[in-house]
């Protein structure tokens, strides 16, 4: 079969991003810069002829995806499994506020795939959601293959990529986040009826970074 290529695209910028305020499942819209980023990215990815677009249902991702869908002429599907990590009691706080109220925990979360923020979920849990979507995308592609775009969030993209590339959990922290409106790209090949993934690009953006 032709390889299925999957772009995991992070949404454009929000005011929370611009002020280092943690979003998680908080439904924050794109700001003006984020909408411009979504439009510029849509022009580039639409030219590659995506055959399917699946998005997190959070508005910042959904608007990024709908911008791409309009440019590519592809209907956008929504899947809540592509939501960002639920960060529990940290949501809505800045990094500085988390450090003040929960000393040492932010660094624990950055360095451990199994650490769970109070009331939230771990990277392992998030990666399970993302991996399930990837597996379904690859299975549904059949013989046609083609480019699929998953529009999601920085945390779930990093965790999912770390898991599907087979990194040990204690090394997941080495996969950094993607910037706003940047993406990772994977290619799937079926090995013994199981999708095996390889990296084609990381933190790619319209500026070539």
N, C-alpha and C. Protein backbone atom coordinates (compact mmCIF):
# COMPACT_ATOMS: atom_id res chain seq x y z
N UNK A 1 0.83 -1.18 0.00
CA UNK A 1 0.00 0.00 0.00
C UNK A 1 0.87 1.24 0.00
N UNK A 2 0.34 2.34 -0.46
CA UNK A 2 1.05 3.62 -0.34
C UNK A 2 1.11 4.02 1.12
N UNK A 3 2.23 4.58 1.57
CA UNK A 3 2.29 5.02 2.97
C UNK A 3 1.24 6.09 3.26
N UNK A 4 0.63 5.99 4.42
CA UNK A 4 -0.22 7.07 4.90
C UNK A 4 0.68 8.10 5.56
N UNK A 5 0.59 9.33 5.11
CA UNK A 5 1.36 10.42 5.73
C UNK A 5 0.42 11.20 6.65
N UNK A 6 0.87 11.46 7.85
CA UNK A 6 0.05 12.16 8.83
C UNK A 6 0.79 13.40 9.31
N UNK A 7 0.16 14.54 9.15
CA UNK A 7 0.65 15.79 9.72
C UNK A 7 -0.12 16.03 11.01
N UNK A 8 0.61 16.22 12.11
CA UNK A 8 0.01 16.57 13.39
C UNK A 8 0.26 18.05 13.60
N UNK A 9 -0.76 18.84 13.33
CA UNK A 9 -0.65 20.30 13.31
C UNK A 9 -1.15 20.90 14.62
N UNK A 10 -0.31 21.74 15.23
CA UNK A 10 -0.75 22.46 16.42
C UNK A 10 -1.53 23.71 16.00
N UNK A 11 -2.52 24.05 16.77
CA UNK A 11 -3.35 25.23 16.52
C UNK A 11 -2.53 26.52 16.53
N UNK A 12 -3.10 27.59 15.99
CA UNK A 12 -2.48 28.90 16.03
C UNK A 12 -2.49 29.49 17.44
N UNK A 13 -1.87 30.64 17.57
CA UNK A 13 -1.67 31.26 18.88
C UNK A 13 -2.97 31.75 19.51
N UNK A 14 -3.02 31.65 20.83
CA UNK A 14 -4.10 32.24 21.63
C UNK A 14 -3.48 33.26 22.60
N UNK A 15 -4.32 34.05 23.23
CA UNK A 15 -3.80 34.97 24.24
C UNK A 15 -3.18 34.22 25.41
N UNK A 16 -3.70 33.04 25.73
CA UNK A 16 -3.09 32.22 26.79
C UNK A 16 -1.67 31.82 26.40
N UNK A 17 -1.47 31.42 25.14
CA UNK A 17 -0.12 31.09 24.68
C UNK A 17 0.81 32.28 24.84
N UNK A 18 0.33 33.43 24.44
CA UNK A 18 1.17 34.63 24.43
C UNK A 18 1.57 35.07 25.83
N UNK A 19 0.81 34.66 26.85
CA UNK A 19 1.10 35.08 28.22
C UNK A 19 1.52 33.90 29.11
N UNK A 20 1.92 32.78 28.49
CA UNK A 20 2.33 31.54 29.20
C UNK A 20 1.29 31.09 30.21
N UNK A 21 0.03 31.23 29.85
CA UNK A 21 -1.06 30.78 30.72
C UNK A 21 -1.51 29.40 30.24
N UNK A 22 -1.61 28.48 31.16
CA UNK A 22 -1.89 27.08 30.82
C UNK A 22 -3.35 26.91 30.39
N UNK A 23 -3.53 26.23 29.26
CA UNK A 23 -4.87 26.07 28.70
C UNK A 23 -5.49 24.72 29.03
N UNK A 24 -4.82 23.64 28.64
CA UNK A 24 -5.43 22.33 28.82
C UNK A 24 -6.76 22.27 28.10
N UNK A 25 -7.83 21.95 28.83
CA UNK A 25 -9.16 21.84 28.23
C UNK A 25 -9.93 23.16 28.25
N UNK A 26 -9.33 24.23 28.76
CA UNK A 26 -10.00 25.53 28.71
C UNK A 26 -10.16 25.94 27.25
N UNK A 27 -11.36 26.34 26.88
CA UNK A 27 -11.67 26.56 25.45
C UNK A 27 -11.37 28.01 25.05
N UNK A 28 -10.11 28.26 24.76
CA UNK A 28 -9.63 29.60 24.45
C UNK A 28 -9.57 29.81 22.94
N UNK A 29 -10.09 30.92 22.41
CA UNK A 29 -10.07 31.14 20.95
C UNK A 29 -8.71 31.61 20.46
N UNK A 30 -8.50 31.53 19.17
CA UNK A 30 -7.31 32.10 18.55
C UNK A 30 -7.33 33.62 18.71
N UNK A 31 -6.15 34.20 18.85
CA UNK A 31 -6.06 35.65 18.80
C UNK A 31 -5.79 36.09 17.36
N UNK A 32 -5.59 37.37 17.15
CA UNK A 32 -5.40 37.86 15.78
C UNK A 32 -4.18 37.22 15.12
N UNK A 33 -3.10 37.12 15.86
CA UNK A 33 -1.90 36.48 15.30
C UNK A 33 -2.17 35.01 14.98
N UNK A 34 -2.91 34.33 15.85
CA UNK A 34 -3.23 32.93 15.62
C UNK A 34 -4.06 32.71 14.38
N UNK A 35 -5.00 33.62 14.13
CA UNK A 35 -5.81 33.49 12.91
C UNK A 35 -4.96 33.71 11.66
N UNK A 36 -4.00 34.65 11.74
CA UNK A 36 -3.10 34.86 10.60
C UNK A 36 -2.20 33.64 10.40
N UNK A 37 -1.74 33.04 11.49
CA UNK A 37 -0.92 31.83 11.39
C UNK A 37 -1.72 30.69 10.74
N UNK A 38 -2.97 30.55 11.16
CA UNK A 38 -3.81 29.48 10.60
C UNK A 38 -4.00 29.67 9.10
N UNK A 39 -4.20 30.90 8.66
CA UNK A 39 -4.40 31.17 7.24
C UNK A 39 -3.14 30.87 6.43
N UNK A 40 -1.98 31.29 6.96
CA UNK A 40 -0.72 31.05 6.24
C UNK A 40 -0.41 29.56 6.16
N UNK A 41 -0.65 28.86 7.26
CA UNK A 41 -0.40 27.42 7.28
C UNK A 41 -1.38 26.68 6.37
N UNK A 42 -2.62 27.11 6.36
CA UNK A 42 -3.62 26.48 5.49
C UNK A 42 -3.21 26.54 4.03
N UNK A 43 -2.67 27.66 3.61
CA UNK A 43 -2.27 27.80 2.21
C UNK A 43 -1.19 26.79 1.84
N UNK A 44 -0.25 26.56 2.77
CA UNK A 44 0.85 25.63 2.50
C UNK A 44 0.36 24.18 2.52
N UNK A 45 -0.40 23.81 3.53
CA UNK A 45 -0.82 22.41 3.64
C UNK A 45 -1.92 22.06 2.63
N UNK A 46 -2.77 23.02 2.28
CA UNK A 46 -3.80 22.74 1.27
C UNK A 46 -3.16 22.39 -0.07
N UNK A 47 -2.03 23.01 -0.36
CA UNK A 47 -1.35 22.75 -1.63
C UNK A 47 -0.82 21.31 -1.71
N UNK A 48 -0.72 20.66 -0.56
CA UNK A 48 -0.25 19.27 -0.54
C UNK A 48 -1.39 18.27 -0.72
N UNK A 49 -2.61 18.76 -0.84
CA UNK A 49 -3.74 17.90 -1.16
C UNK A 49 -4.14 16.92 -0.07
N UNK A 50 -4.43 17.39 1.14
CA UNK A 50 -4.87 16.45 2.18
C UNK A 50 -6.18 15.78 1.78
N UNK A 51 -6.28 14.50 2.13
CA UNK A 51 -7.49 13.75 1.81
C UNK A 51 -8.45 13.68 3.00
N UNK A 52 -7.94 14.03 4.17
CA UNK A 52 -8.78 13.95 5.37
C UNK A 52 -8.22 14.92 6.41
N UNK A 53 -9.10 15.59 7.15
CA UNK A 53 -8.71 16.48 8.24
C UNK A 53 -9.55 16.13 9.46
N UNK A 54 -8.86 15.83 10.56
CA UNK A 54 -9.54 15.50 11.82
C UNK A 54 -9.01 16.46 12.88
N UNK A 55 -9.90 17.04 13.66
CA UNK A 55 -9.51 18.08 14.61
C UNK A 55 -10.01 17.80 16.02
N UNK A 56 -9.24 18.25 16.99
CA UNK A 56 -9.74 18.41 18.35
C UNK A 56 -10.98 19.29 18.29
N UNK A 57 -11.89 19.06 19.24
CA UNK A 57 -13.11 19.87 19.26
C UNK A 57 -12.94 21.20 19.99
N UNK A 58 -11.79 21.44 20.62
CA UNK A 58 -11.56 22.73 21.27
C UNK A 58 -11.43 23.81 20.21
N UNK A 59 -11.98 24.99 20.47
CA UNK A 59 -12.17 26.00 19.43
C UNK A 59 -10.86 26.43 18.78
N UNK A 60 -9.78 26.52 19.53
CA UNK A 60 -8.52 26.98 18.94
C UNK A 60 -8.02 26.02 17.86
N UNK A 61 -8.25 24.73 18.07
CA UNK A 61 -7.89 23.74 17.05
C UNK A 61 -8.95 23.68 15.95
N UNK A 62 -10.22 23.74 16.34
CA UNK A 62 -11.29 23.62 15.35
C UNK A 62 -11.26 24.75 14.34
N UNK A 63 -10.96 25.98 14.78
CA UNK A 63 -10.88 27.10 13.84
C UNK A 63 -9.65 26.96 12.94
N UNK A 64 -8.53 26.52 13.51
CA UNK A 64 -7.33 26.26 12.69
C UNK A 64 -7.66 25.22 11.62
N UNK A 65 -8.37 24.17 12.01
CA UNK A 65 -8.73 23.10 11.08
C UNK A 65 -9.72 23.57 10.03
N UNK A 66 -10.71 24.37 10.42
CA UNK A 66 -11.71 24.83 9.45
C UNK A 66 -11.08 25.76 8.42
N UNK A 67 -10.07 26.52 8.83
CA UNK A 67 -9.35 27.38 7.89
C UNK A 67 -8.65 26.52 6.84
N UNK A 68 -8.02 25.45 7.29
CA UNK A 68 -7.37 24.52 6.35
C UNK A 68 -8.42 23.82 5.49
N UNK A 69 -9.50 23.37 6.12
CA UNK A 69 -10.53 22.67 5.36
C UNK A 69 -11.11 23.51 4.24
N UNK A 70 -11.34 24.80 4.52
CA UNK A 70 -11.86 25.69 3.49
C UNK A 70 -10.88 25.86 2.34
N UNK A 71 -9.60 25.96 2.68
CA UNK A 71 -8.58 26.14 1.64
C UNK A 71 -8.39 24.88 0.81
N UNK A 72 -8.56 23.72 1.45
CA UNK A 72 -8.30 22.44 0.76
C UNK A 72 -9.56 21.83 0.16
N UNK A 73 -10.74 22.37 0.51
CA UNK A 73 -11.98 21.78 0.04
C UNK A 73 -12.26 20.43 0.66
N UNK A 74 -11.88 20.28 1.94
CA UNK A 74 -12.06 19.01 2.66
C UNK A 74 -12.88 19.27 3.92
N UNK A 75 -13.91 18.47 4.15
CA UNK A 75 -14.71 18.60 5.35
C UNK A 75 -13.88 18.22 6.57
N UNK A 76 -14.10 18.93 7.67
CA UNK A 76 -13.35 18.67 8.90
C UNK A 76 -14.17 17.78 9.83
N UNK A 77 -13.54 16.71 10.29
CA UNK A 77 -14.13 15.84 11.31
C UNK A 77 -13.59 16.28 12.68
N UNK A 78 -14.40 16.13 13.71
CA UNK A 78 -13.94 16.49 15.06
C UNK A 78 -13.89 15.24 15.94
N UNK A 79 -12.86 15.19 16.77
CA UNK A 79 -12.65 14.03 17.64
C UNK A 79 -12.09 14.55 18.97
N UNK A 80 -12.86 14.41 20.04
CA UNK A 80 -12.44 14.96 21.32
C UNK A 80 -11.20 14.25 21.89
N UNK A 81 -10.85 13.10 21.34
CA UNK A 81 -9.63 12.42 21.79
C UNK A 81 -8.38 13.20 21.43
N UNK A 82 -8.48 14.15 20.51
CA UNK A 82 -7.33 14.97 20.12
C UNK A 82 -7.20 16.21 21.00
N UNK A 83 -8.00 16.32 22.04
CA UNK A 83 -7.88 17.46 22.95
C UNK A 83 -6.50 17.48 23.62
N UNK A 84 -6.14 18.66 24.10
CA UNK A 84 -4.90 18.83 24.85
C UNK A 84 -4.97 18.04 26.16
N UNK A 85 -3.82 17.84 26.78
CA UNK A 85 -3.74 17.25 28.10
C UNK A 85 -4.67 18.00 29.07
N UNK A 86 -5.44 17.26 29.85
CA UNK A 86 -6.21 17.91 30.91
C UNK A 86 -5.24 18.20 32.06
N UNK A 87 -5.07 19.47 32.38
CA UNK A 87 -4.07 19.87 33.37
C UNK A 87 -4.68 20.27 34.71
N UNK A 88 -5.93 19.84 34.91
CA UNK A 88 -6.53 19.92 36.23
C UNK A 88 -6.48 21.31 36.85
N UNK A 89 -5.96 21.37 38.08
CA UNK A 89 -5.96 22.61 38.84
C UNK A 89 -5.00 23.66 38.29
N UNK A 90 -4.16 23.28 37.35
CA UNK A 90 -3.23 24.25 36.74
C UNK A 90 -3.89 25.08 35.66
N UNK A 91 -4.99 24.63 35.13
CA UNK A 91 -5.59 25.29 33.98
C UNK A 91 -6.01 26.71 34.33
N UNK A 92 -5.61 27.64 33.45
CA UNK A 92 -5.89 29.05 33.66
C UNK A 92 -4.81 29.79 34.40
N UNK A 93 -3.82 29.07 34.96
CA UNK A 93 -2.72 29.71 35.68
C UNK A 93 -1.53 29.92 34.76
N UNK A 94 -0.72 30.92 35.07
CA UNK A 94 0.55 31.08 34.36
C UNK A 94 1.56 30.09 34.94
N UNK A 95 2.67 29.90 34.21
CA UNK A 95 3.72 29.02 34.73
C UNK A 95 4.21 29.51 36.09
N UNK A 96 4.36 30.83 36.23
CA UNK A 96 4.82 31.38 37.50
C UNK A 96 3.84 31.09 38.63
N UNK A 97 2.55 31.17 38.34
CA UNK A 97 1.53 30.89 39.36
C UNK A 97 1.53 29.42 39.75
N UNK A 98 1.74 28.52 38.78
CA UNK A 98 1.82 27.09 39.10
C UNK A 98 3.02 26.83 40.01
N UNK A 99 4.15 27.44 39.68
CA UNK A 99 5.35 27.24 40.52
C UNK A 99 5.11 27.74 41.94
N UNK A 100 4.39 28.83 42.08
CA UNK A 100 4.13 29.38 43.41
C UNK A 100 3.15 28.52 44.20
N UNK A 101 2.11 28.02 43.55
CA UNK A 101 1.06 27.28 44.25
C UNK A 101 1.35 25.79 44.37
N UNK A 102 2.15 25.26 43.42
CA UNK A 102 2.45 23.82 43.41
C UNK A 102 3.97 23.65 43.23
N UNK A 103 4.75 23.97 44.25
CA UNK A 103 6.21 23.99 44.10
C UNK A 103 6.78 22.66 43.61
N UNK A 104 7.62 22.76 42.57
CA UNK A 104 8.31 21.60 42.04
C UNK A 104 7.52 20.73 41.09
N UNK A 105 6.20 20.92 41.05
CA UNK A 105 5.38 20.00 40.26
C UNK A 105 5.49 20.24 38.76
N UNK A 106 5.65 21.49 38.34
CA UNK A 106 5.75 21.77 36.92
C UNK A 106 6.97 21.07 36.33
N UNK A 107 8.07 21.10 37.04
CA UNK A 107 9.28 20.43 36.57
C UNK A 107 9.09 18.91 36.58
N UNK A 108 8.40 18.38 37.56
CA UNK A 108 8.10 16.95 37.57
C UNK A 108 7.30 16.55 36.34
N UNK A 109 6.33 17.37 36.01
CA UNK A 109 5.49 17.07 34.85
C UNK A 109 6.29 17.11 33.56
N UNK A 110 7.17 18.10 33.42
CA UNK A 110 7.99 18.19 32.22
C UNK A 110 8.88 16.95 32.05
N UNK A 111 9.35 16.40 33.16
CA UNK A 111 10.37 15.35 33.10
C UNK A 111 9.84 13.93 33.24
N UNK A 112 8.56 13.78 33.55
CA UNK A 112 8.01 12.45 33.78
C UNK A 112 6.75 12.22 32.97
N UNK A 113 6.74 11.12 32.22
CA UNK A 113 5.56 10.79 31.42
C UNK A 113 4.40 10.30 32.27
N UNK A 114 4.68 9.88 33.50
CA UNK A 114 3.64 9.31 34.34
C UNK A 114 3.12 10.27 35.41
N UNK A 115 3.79 11.43 35.58
CA UNK A 115 3.33 12.39 36.59
C UNK A 115 1.99 12.98 36.17
N UNK A 116 1.06 13.05 37.12
CA UNK A 116 -0.28 13.57 36.86
C UNK A 116 -0.50 14.87 37.63
N UNK A 117 -0.75 15.98 36.95
CA UNK A 117 -1.07 17.22 37.66
C UNK A 117 -2.34 17.03 38.49
N UNK A 118 -2.49 17.75 39.59
CA UNK A 118 -3.68 17.59 40.43
C UNK A 118 -4.97 17.76 39.64
N UNK A 119 -5.77 16.69 39.60
CA UNK A 119 -7.04 16.72 38.89
C UNK A 119 -6.92 16.56 37.39
N UNK A 120 -5.72 16.26 36.89
CA UNK A 120 -5.51 16.17 35.44
C UNK A 120 -5.16 14.77 34.98
N UNK A 121 -4.40 14.70 33.89
CA UNK A 121 -3.99 13.41 33.33
C UNK A 121 -2.51 13.45 32.97
N UNK A 122 -1.91 12.27 32.89
CA UNK A 122 -0.49 12.15 32.59
C UNK A 122 -0.26 12.10 31.08
N UNK A 123 1.01 12.24 30.70
CA UNK A 123 1.36 12.11 29.29
C UNK A 123 1.05 10.71 28.76
N UNK A 124 1.21 9.71 29.59
CA UNK A 124 0.89 8.34 29.17
C UNK A 124 -0.58 8.23 28.78
N UNK A 125 -1.45 8.81 29.59
CA UNK A 125 -2.88 8.79 29.27
C UNK A 125 -3.18 9.56 27.99
N UNK A 126 -2.53 10.69 27.82
CA UNK A 126 -2.75 11.51 26.63
C UNK A 126 -2.26 10.78 25.38
N UNK A 127 -1.09 10.16 25.48
CA UNK A 127 -0.53 9.43 24.34
C UNK A 127 -1.44 8.28 23.90
N UNK A 128 -2.11 7.65 24.86
CA UNK A 128 -3.03 6.56 24.51
C UNK A 128 -4.16 7.06 23.63
N UNK A 129 -4.67 8.27 23.91
CA UNK A 129 -5.72 8.85 23.08
C UNK A 129 -5.21 9.13 21.67
N UNK A 130 -4.05 9.79 21.60
CA UNK A 130 -3.50 10.15 20.29
C UNK A 130 -3.13 8.95 19.46
N UNK A 131 -2.56 7.94 20.09
CA UNK A 131 -2.16 6.73 19.38
C UNK A 131 -3.37 6.00 18.81
N UNK A 132 -4.46 5.99 19.56
CA UNK A 132 -5.68 5.34 19.06
C UNK A 132 -6.19 6.02 17.80
N UNK A 133 -6.16 7.35 17.77
CA UNK A 133 -6.59 8.08 16.58
C UNK A 133 -5.67 7.76 15.41
N UNK A 134 -4.37 7.77 15.64
CA UNK A 134 -3.42 7.45 14.56
C UNK A 134 -3.66 6.07 13.99
N UNK A 135 -3.87 5.09 14.85
CA UNK A 135 -4.09 3.73 14.38
C UNK A 135 -5.34 3.63 13.53
N UNK A 136 -6.40 4.33 13.93
CA UNK A 136 -7.64 4.32 13.16
C UNK A 136 -7.46 5.01 11.81
N UNK A 137 -6.71 6.10 11.79
CA UNK A 137 -6.44 6.82 10.55
C UNK A 137 -5.71 5.92 9.57
N UNK A 138 -4.69 5.22 10.06
CA UNK A 138 -3.91 4.34 9.19
C UNK A 138 -4.77 3.19 8.68
N UNK A 139 -5.60 2.62 9.55
CA UNK A 139 -6.44 1.49 9.15
C UNK A 139 -7.49 1.91 8.12
N UNK A 140 -8.01 3.13 8.26
CA UNK A 140 -9.05 3.61 7.35
C UNK A 140 -8.50 4.02 5.99
N UNK A 141 -7.20 4.29 5.92
CA UNK A 141 -6.62 4.79 4.67
C UNK A 141 -6.62 3.73 3.57
N UNK A 142 -6.51 2.46 3.96
CA UNK A 142 -6.53 1.39 2.97
C UNK A 142 -5.41 1.52 1.95
N UNK A 143 -5.69 1.10 0.74
CA UNK A 143 -4.67 1.09 -0.30
C UNK A 143 -4.37 2.48 -0.85
N UNK A 144 -5.28 3.42 -0.63
CA UNK A 144 -5.11 4.73 -1.23
C UNK A 144 -4.02 5.58 -0.56
N UNK A 145 -3.85 5.40 0.75
CA UNK A 145 -2.87 6.22 1.45
C UNK A 145 -3.25 7.69 1.39
N UNK A 146 -2.25 8.55 1.21
CA UNK A 146 -2.51 9.98 1.11
C UNK A 146 -2.22 10.71 2.40
N UNK A 147 -2.36 12.03 2.36
CA UNK A 147 -2.04 12.89 3.49
C UNK A 147 -3.26 13.14 4.36
N UNK A 148 -3.13 12.86 5.65
CA UNK A 148 -4.16 13.15 6.64
C UNK A 148 -3.60 14.19 7.60
N UNK A 149 -4.39 15.20 7.94
CA UNK A 149 -3.96 16.23 8.90
C UNK A 149 -4.79 16.09 10.16
N UNK A 150 -4.10 15.92 11.29
CA UNK A 150 -4.72 15.91 12.60
C UNK A 150 -4.40 17.25 13.25
N UNK A 151 -5.41 18.03 13.56
CA UNK A 151 -5.19 19.36 14.15
C UNK A 151 -5.42 19.23 15.66
N UNK A 152 -4.36 19.49 16.42
CA UNK A 152 -4.42 19.20 17.85
C UNK A 152 -3.64 20.24 18.65
N UNK A 153 -2.90 19.78 19.64
CA UNK A 153 -2.28 20.65 20.63
C UNK A 153 -0.87 20.17 20.94
N UNK A 154 -0.04 21.06 21.47
CA UNK A 154 1.36 20.75 21.66
C UNK A 154 1.62 19.54 22.53
N UNK A 155 0.91 19.43 23.64
CA UNK A 155 1.15 18.33 24.57
C UNK A 155 0.80 16.98 23.99
N UNK A 156 -0.36 16.86 23.37
CA UNK A 156 -0.76 15.57 22.82
C UNK A 156 0.09 15.19 21.61
N UNK A 157 0.52 16.16 20.84
CA UNK A 157 1.38 15.86 19.70
C UNK A 157 2.71 15.27 20.18
N UNK A 158 3.35 15.93 21.17
CA UNK A 158 4.64 15.45 21.66
C UNK A 158 4.52 14.07 22.29
N UNK A 159 3.50 13.86 23.11
CA UNK A 159 3.34 12.57 23.78
C UNK A 159 3.05 11.46 22.79
N UNK A 160 2.21 11.73 21.80
CA UNK A 160 1.86 10.72 20.81
C UNK A 160 3.06 10.35 19.96
N UNK A 161 3.81 11.33 19.52
CA UNK A 161 5.00 11.05 18.71
C UNK A 161 6.01 10.23 19.51
N UNK A 162 6.23 10.59 20.77
CA UNK A 162 7.17 9.83 21.60
C UNK A 162 6.75 8.37 21.71
N UNK A 163 5.46 8.16 21.88
CA UNK A 163 4.99 6.77 22.04
C UNK A 163 5.09 5.98 20.74
N UNK A 164 4.62 6.54 19.64
CA UNK A 164 4.59 5.74 18.40
C UNK A 164 5.98 5.51 17.83
N UNK A 165 6.94 6.36 18.20
CA UNK A 165 8.32 6.12 17.76
C UNK A 165 9.06 5.15 18.68
N UNK A 166 8.38 4.70 19.72
CA UNK A 166 8.95 3.66 20.57
C UNK A 166 9.96 4.13 21.60
N UNK A 167 9.95 5.43 21.94
CA UNK A 167 10.87 5.91 22.97
C UNK A 167 10.47 5.35 24.33
N UNK A 168 11.43 4.97 25.17
CA UNK A 168 11.07 4.58 26.54
C UNK A 168 10.47 5.77 27.27
N UNK A 169 9.55 5.50 28.16
CA UNK A 169 8.82 6.59 28.82
C UNK A 169 9.74 7.56 29.54
N UNK A 170 10.85 7.05 30.08
CA UNK A 170 11.74 7.96 30.80
C UNK A 170 12.48 8.91 29.87
N UNK A 171 12.34 8.73 28.54
CA UNK A 171 12.97 9.62 27.58
C UNK A 171 11.96 10.47 26.82
N UNK A 172 10.69 10.38 27.17
CA UNK A 172 9.68 11.16 26.44
C UNK A 172 9.92 12.65 26.56
N UNK A 173 10.54 13.07 27.65
CA UNK A 173 10.77 14.51 27.84
C UNK A 173 11.68 15.08 26.76
N UNK A 174 12.42 14.23 26.04
CA UNK A 174 13.33 14.73 25.00
C UNK A 174 12.58 15.20 23.76
N UNK A 175 11.30 14.84 23.64
CA UNK A 175 10.48 15.32 22.53
C UNK A 175 9.84 16.63 22.97
N UNK A 176 10.39 17.74 22.51
CA UNK A 176 9.88 19.04 22.91
C UNK A 176 8.57 19.37 22.22
N UNK A 177 8.00 20.48 22.59
CA UNK A 177 6.72 20.88 21.99
C UNK A 177 6.90 21.51 20.62
N UNK A 178 5.84 21.52 19.85
CA UNK A 178 5.82 22.23 18.58
C UNK A 178 5.32 23.66 18.82
N UNK A 179 5.77 24.59 18.00
CA UNK A 179 5.30 25.96 18.09
C UNK A 179 3.89 26.09 17.54
N UNK A 180 3.25 27.21 17.82
CA UNK A 180 1.92 27.45 17.28
C UNK A 180 1.94 27.40 15.76
N UNK A 181 0.95 26.70 15.19
CA UNK A 181 0.80 26.55 13.74
C UNK A 181 2.00 25.85 13.11
N UNK A 182 2.69 25.04 13.89
CA UNK A 182 3.76 24.19 13.37
C UNK A 182 3.32 22.74 13.48
N UNK A 183 4.06 21.87 12.81
CA UNK A 183 3.59 20.49 12.77
C UNK A 183 4.73 19.48 12.79
N UNK A 184 4.33 18.26 13.17
CA UNK A 184 5.16 17.06 13.01
C UNK A 184 4.57 16.26 11.87
N UNK A 185 5.40 15.48 11.19
CA UNK A 185 4.90 14.63 10.12
C UNK A 185 5.42 13.22 10.30
N UNK A 186 4.50 12.26 10.20
CA UNK A 186 4.82 10.85 10.32
C UNK A 186 4.39 10.12 9.06
N UNK A 187 5.03 8.99 8.78
CA UNK A 187 4.61 8.12 7.69
C UNK A 187 4.35 6.74 8.27
N UNK A 188 3.24 6.13 7.89
CA UNK A 188 2.87 4.81 8.39
C UNK A 188 3.13 3.76 7.33
N UNK A 189 3.70 2.65 7.75
CA UNK A 189 3.88 1.48 6.89
C UNK A 189 3.34 0.28 7.65
N UNK A 190 2.57 -0.56 7.01
CA UNK A 190 2.01 -1.72 7.68
C UNK A 190 3.06 -2.83 7.74
N UNK A 191 3.35 -3.27 8.95
CA UNK A 191 4.27 -4.38 9.17
C UNK A 191 3.52 -5.45 9.94
N UNK A 192 3.28 -6.60 9.29
CA UNK A 192 2.49 -7.68 9.92
C UNK A 192 1.13 -7.16 10.40
N UNK A 193 0.50 -6.34 9.56
CA UNK A 193 -0.83 -5.80 9.83
C UNK A 193 -0.86 -4.79 10.99
N UNK A 194 0.29 -4.34 11.42
CA UNK A 194 0.37 -3.34 12.49
C UNK A 194 1.06 -2.10 11.94
N UNK A 195 0.46 -0.90 12.12
CA UNK A 195 1.13 0.31 11.62
C UNK A 195 2.44 0.57 12.36
N UNK A 196 3.50 0.81 11.59
CA UNK A 196 4.78 1.21 12.16
C UNK A 196 5.07 2.61 11.63
N UNK A 197 5.52 3.49 12.51
CA UNK A 197 5.64 4.90 12.14
C UNK A 197 7.09 5.33 12.06
N UNK A 198 7.37 6.23 11.13
CA UNK A 198 8.69 6.86 11.08
C UNK A 198 8.51 8.36 10.93
N UNK A 199 9.48 9.10 11.45
CA UNK A 199 9.41 10.56 11.43
C UNK A 199 9.83 11.10 10.08
N UNK A 200 9.05 12.05 9.57
CA UNK A 200 9.40 12.75 8.34
C UNK A 200 9.73 14.22 8.58
N UNK A 201 9.28 14.78 9.70
CA UNK A 201 9.56 16.19 9.99
C UNK A 201 9.09 16.55 11.38
N UNK A 202 9.75 17.54 12.00
CA UNK A 202 9.37 17.97 13.35
C UNK A 202 9.42 19.48 13.45
N UNK A 203 8.41 20.05 14.07
CA UNK A 203 8.32 21.50 14.29
C UNK A 203 8.48 22.28 13.00
N UNK A 204 7.85 21.78 11.95
CA UNK A 204 7.90 22.39 10.65
C UNK A 204 6.88 23.52 10.58
N UNK A 205 7.23 24.63 9.95
CA UNK A 205 6.30 25.73 9.81
C UNK A 205 6.43 26.41 8.47
N UNK A 206 5.57 27.38 8.21
CA UNK A 206 5.57 28.04 6.91
C UNK A 206 6.84 28.83 6.66
N UNK A 207 7.57 29.16 7.74
CA UNK A 207 8.82 29.89 7.58
C UNK A 207 10.01 28.94 7.36
N UNK A 208 9.71 27.65 7.26
CA UNK A 208 10.77 26.68 6.98
C UNK A 208 11.52 26.19 8.19
N UNK A 209 11.12 26.63 9.39
CA UNK A 209 11.82 26.23 10.60
C UNK A 209 11.59 24.80 10.98
